[in-house]
Amino acid sequence: WLREGVHVTSVGTHHPDRREIDGETIAKAKVVVDLKEACLKEAGDLIIPLKEGLITGEHIYAELGELVAGIKPGRISPNEITFFKSVGLALQDLAVARLAYEKARELGVGLEFKP
């Protein structure tokens, strides 16, 4: 039911028995994940279609880092349906925390804690 060339991102659930996106969409899409190992353990959006036989582990095209580093190309056709699944990385949390901390210091807001 999706148009050609659409992109879908799923970041909401990271439970192996829950999903936001139907298996047919996953099967039609070029799948990119933040971290393959984590997604295959936590992401029902991928685990459920795997169990249903709609996809195999090879259906995961790339990790986000491979696209960013230029190791693999992203979309190669304007008609491709692409799907990104993120279960979150601790490094992302740390990066956001640092930015929030720096902004709070810049604005002079928040409380400073002594160790």
C-alpha atoms as a PDB file:
ATOM      1  CA  TRP A   1       0.000   0.000   0.000  1.00  0.00           C
ATOM      2  CA  LEU A   2       3.048   2.270   0.122  1.00  0.00           C
ATOM      3  CA  ARG A   3       4.013   4.436  -2.846  1.00  0.00           C
ATOM      4  CA  GLU A   4       7.256   3.726  -4.640  1.00  0.00           C
ATOM      5  CA  GLY A   5      10.135   5.794  -3.292  1.00  0.00           C
ATOM      6  CA  VAL A   6       8.731   6.222   0.213  1.00  0.00           C
ATOM      7  CA  HIS A   7      10.918   6.002   3.318  1.00  0.00           C
ATOM      8  CA  VAL A   8       9.681   4.536   6.621  1.00  0.00           C
ATOM      9  CA  THR A   9      11.446   4.950   9.970  1.00  0.00           C
ATOM     10  CA  SER A  10      10.575   2.947  13.082  1.00  0.00           C
ATOM     11  CA  VAL A  11      12.000   3.991  16.438  1.00  0.00           C
ATOM     12  CA  GLY A  12       9.071   3.488  18.790  1.00  0.00           C
ATOM     13  CA  THR A  13       9.198  -0.092  19.980  1.00  0.00           C
ATOM     14  CA  HIS A  14      12.146  -2.285  20.843  1.00  0.00           C
ATOM     15  CA  HIS A  15      10.337  -5.365  22.107  1.00  0.00           C
ATOM     16  CA  PRO A  16      10.820  -8.664  20.251  1.00  0.00           C
ATOM     17  CA  ASP A  17       7.097  -9.475  20.367  1.00  0.00           C
ATOM     18  CA  ARG A  18       5.768  -6.070  19.219  1.00  0.00           C
ATOM     19  CA  ARG A  19       5.948  -4.199  15.962  1.00  0.00           C
ATOM     20  CA  GLU A  20       4.944  -0.906  14.412  1.00  0.00           C
ATOM     21  CA  ILE A  21       5.400  -1.909  10.776  1.00  0.00           C
ATOM     22  CA  ASP A  22       3.734  -4.839   9.014  1.00  0.00           C
ATOM     23  CA  GLY A  23       5.835  -7.682   7.642  1.00  0.00           C
ATOM     24  CA  GLU A  24       4.796  -7.059   4.028  1.00  0.00           C
ATOM     25  CA  THR A  25       6.266  -3.553   4.190  1.00  0.00           C
ATOM     26  CA  ILE A  26       9.509  -4.896   5.646  1.00  0.00           C
ATOM     27  CA  ALA A  27       9.697  -7.555   2.924  1.00  0.00           C
ATOM     28  CA  LYS A  28       9.319  -4.923   0.169  1.00  0.00           C
ATOM     29  CA  ALA A  29      11.840  -2.494   1.643  1.00  0.00           C
ATOM     30  CA  LYS A  30      15.581  -1.995   1.595  1.00  0.00           C
ATOM     31  CA  VAL A  31      16.237  -2.372   5.333  1.00  0.00           C
ATOM     32  CA  VAL A  32      18.855  -0.358   7.208  1.00  0.00           C
ATOM     33  CA  VAL A  33      19.352  -0.643  10.971  1.00  0.00           C
ATOM     34  CA  ASP A  34      21.341   1.206  13.602  1.00  0.00           C
ATOM     35  CA  LEU A  35      22.979  -2.007  14.827  1.00  0.00           C
ATOM     36  CA  LYS A  36      22.126  -5.385  13.278  1.00  0.00           C
ATOM     37  CA  GLU A  37      22.953  -7.500  16.324  1.00  0.00           C
ATOM     38  CA  ALA A  38      20.744  -5.393  18.609  1.00  0.00           C
ATOM     39  CA  CYS A  39      17.873  -5.243  16.117  1.00  0.00           C
ATOM     40  CA  LEU A  40      17.850  -9.013  15.667  1.00  0.00           C
ATOM     41  CA  LYS A  41      17.495  -9.381  19.458  1.00  0.00           C
ATOM     42  CA  GLU A  42      15.111  -6.507  20.240  1.00  0.00           C
ATOM     43  CA  ALA A  43      13.178  -5.330  17.177  1.00  0.00           C
ATOM     44  CA  GLY A  44       9.852  -7.058  16.673  1.00  0.00           C
ATOM     45  CA  ASP A  45       9.593  -5.114  13.401  1.00  0.00           C
ATOM     46  CA  LEU A  46      12.294  -7.495  12.120  1.00  0.00           C
ATOM     47  CA  ILE A  47      12.019 -10.518  14.424  1.00  0.00           C
ATOM     48  CA  ILE A  48       8.353 -11.176  13.659  1.00  0.00           C
ATOM     49  CA  PRO A  49       8.740 -11.154   9.825  1.00  0.00           C
ATOM     50  CA  LEU A  50      11.783 -13.414  10.276  1.00  0.00           C
ATOM     51  CA  LYS A  51       9.691 -15.895  12.273  1.00  0.00           C
ATOM     52  CA  GLU A  52       6.872 -15.619   9.705  1.00  0.00           C
ATOM     53  CA  GLY A  53       9.320 -16.475   6.926  1.00  0.00           C
ATOM     54  CA  LEU A  54       8.747 -13.180   5.105  1.00  0.00           C
ATOM     55  CA  ILE A  55      12.430 -12.217   5.306  1.00  0.00           C
ATOM     56  CA  THR A  56      15.788 -13.722   6.251  1.00  0.00           C
ATOM     57  CA  GLY A  57      18.637 -12.119   8.174  1.00  0.00           C
ATOM     58  CA  GLU A  58      20.210 -11.287   4.810  1.00  0.00           C
ATOM     59  CA  HIS A  59      17.287  -8.939   4.114  1.00  0.00           C
ATOM     60  CA  ILE A  60      18.967  -6.380   6.366  1.00  0.00           C
ATOM     61  CA  TYR A  61      20.901  -4.414   3.768  1.00  0.00           C
ATOM     62  CA  ALA A  62      23.190  -2.357   5.988  1.00  0.00           C
ATOM     63  CA  GLU A  63      23.873  -0.702   9.300  1.00  0.00           C
ATOM     64  CA  LEU A  64      23.533   3.080   9.370  1.00  0.00           C
ATOM     65  CA  GLY A  65      27.277   3.467   9.916  1.00  0.00           C
ATOM     66  CA  GLU A  66      27.958   1.659   6.630  1.00  0.00           C
ATOM     67  CA  LEU A  67      25.857   4.216   4.757  1.00  0.00           C
ATOM     68  CA  VAL A  68      27.394   7.187   6.559  1.00  0.00           C
ATOM     69  CA  ALA A  69      30.931   5.890   5.912  1.00  0.00           C
ATOM     70  CA  GLY A  70      30.151   5.291   2.233  1.00  0.00           C
ATOM     71  CA  ILE A  71      30.779   1.548   2.517  1.00  0.00           C
ATOM     72  CA  LYS A  72      27.359   0.841   1.027  1.00  0.00           C
ATOM     73  CA  PRO A  73      25.189   3.176  -1.036  1.00  0.00           C
ATOM     74  CA  GLY A  74      21.805   4.223   0.287  1.00  0.00           C
ATOM     75  CA  ARG A  75      18.896   4.520  -2.090  1.00  0.00           C
ATOM     76  CA  ILE A  76      20.024   3.550  -5.603  1.00  0.00           C
ATOM     77  CA  SER A  77      16.675   4.067  -7.317  1.00  0.00           C
ATOM     78  CA  PRO A  78      14.034   6.752  -6.749  1.00  0.00           C
ATOM     79  CA  ASN A  79      11.461   3.935  -6.685  1.00  0.00           C
ATOM     80  CA  GLU A  80      13.003   1.982  -3.793  1.00  0.00           C
ATOM     81  CA  ILE A  81      11.048   1.691  -0.582  1.00  0.00           C
ATOM     82  CA  THR A  82      13.501   2.161   2.272  1.00  0.00           C
ATOM     83  CA  PHE A  83      13.076   1.296   5.940  1.00  0.00           C
ATOM     84  CA  PHE A  84      15.217   2.316   8.908  1.00  0.00           C
ATOM     85  CA  LYS A  85      14.924   0.581  12.285  1.00  0.00           C
ATOM     86  CA  SER A  86      16.586   2.010  15.359  1.00  0.00           C
ATOM     87  CA  VAL A  87      16.581   0.376  18.762  1.00  0.00           C
ATOM     88  CA  GLY A  88      18.982   2.988  20.093  1.00  0.00           C
ATOM     89  CA  LEU A  89      22.645   2.967  20.924  1.00  0.00           C
ATOM     90  CA  ALA A  90      24.152   4.072  24.228  1.00  0.00           C
ATOM     91  CA  LEU A  91      26.521   6.286  22.253  1.00  0.00           C
ATOM     92  CA  GLN A  92      23.539   8.232  20.908  1.00  0.00           C
ATOM     93  CA  ASP A  93      22.254   8.752  24.443  1.00  0.00           C
ATOM     94  CA  LEU A  94      25.653  10.034  25.558  1.00  0.00           C
ATOM     95  CA  ALA A  95      25.897  12.428  22.619  1.00  0.00           C
ATOM     96  CA  VAL A  96      22.464  13.897  23.354  1.00  0.00           C
ATOM     97  CA  ALA A  97      23.236  14.149  27.082  1.00  0.00           C
ATOM     98  CA  ARG A  98      26.427  16.064  26.353  1.00  0.00           C
ATOM     99  CA  LEU A  99      24.626  18.496  24.038  1.00  0.00           C
ATOM    100  CA  ALA A 100      21.911  19.055  26.656  1.00  0.00           C
ATOM    101  CA  TYR A 101      24.549  19.620  29.352  1.00  0.00           C
ATOM    102  CA  GLU A 102      26.484  22.101  27.215  1.00  0.00           C
ATOM    103  CA  LYS A 103      23.306  24.012  26.300  1.00  0.00           C
ATOM    104  CA  ALA A 104      22.236  24.173  29.958  1.00  0.00           C
ATOM    105  CA  ARG A 105      25.647  25.581  30.936  1.00  0.00           C
ATOM    106  CA  GLU A 106      25.487  28.089  28.088  1.00  0.00           C
ATOM    107  CA  LEU A 107      22.047  29.268  29.235  1.00  0.00           C
ATOM    108  CA  GLY A 108      22.926  29.152  32.928  1.00  0.00           C
ATOM    109  CA  VAL A 109      20.078  26.809  33.797  1.00  0.00           C
ATOM    110  CA  GLY A 110      19.904  23.601  35.777  1.00  0.00           C
ATOM    111  CA  LEU A 111      21.698  22.459  38.906  1.00  0.00           C
ATOM    112  CA  GLU A 112      25.337  21.535  39.269  1.00  0.00           C
ATOM    113  CA  PHE A 113      26.065  18.471  41.370  1.00  0.00           C
ATOM    114  CA  LYS A 114      29.303  17.942  43.251  1.00  0.00           C
ATOM    115  CA  PRO A 115      30.700  14.369  43.280  1.00  0.00           C
END
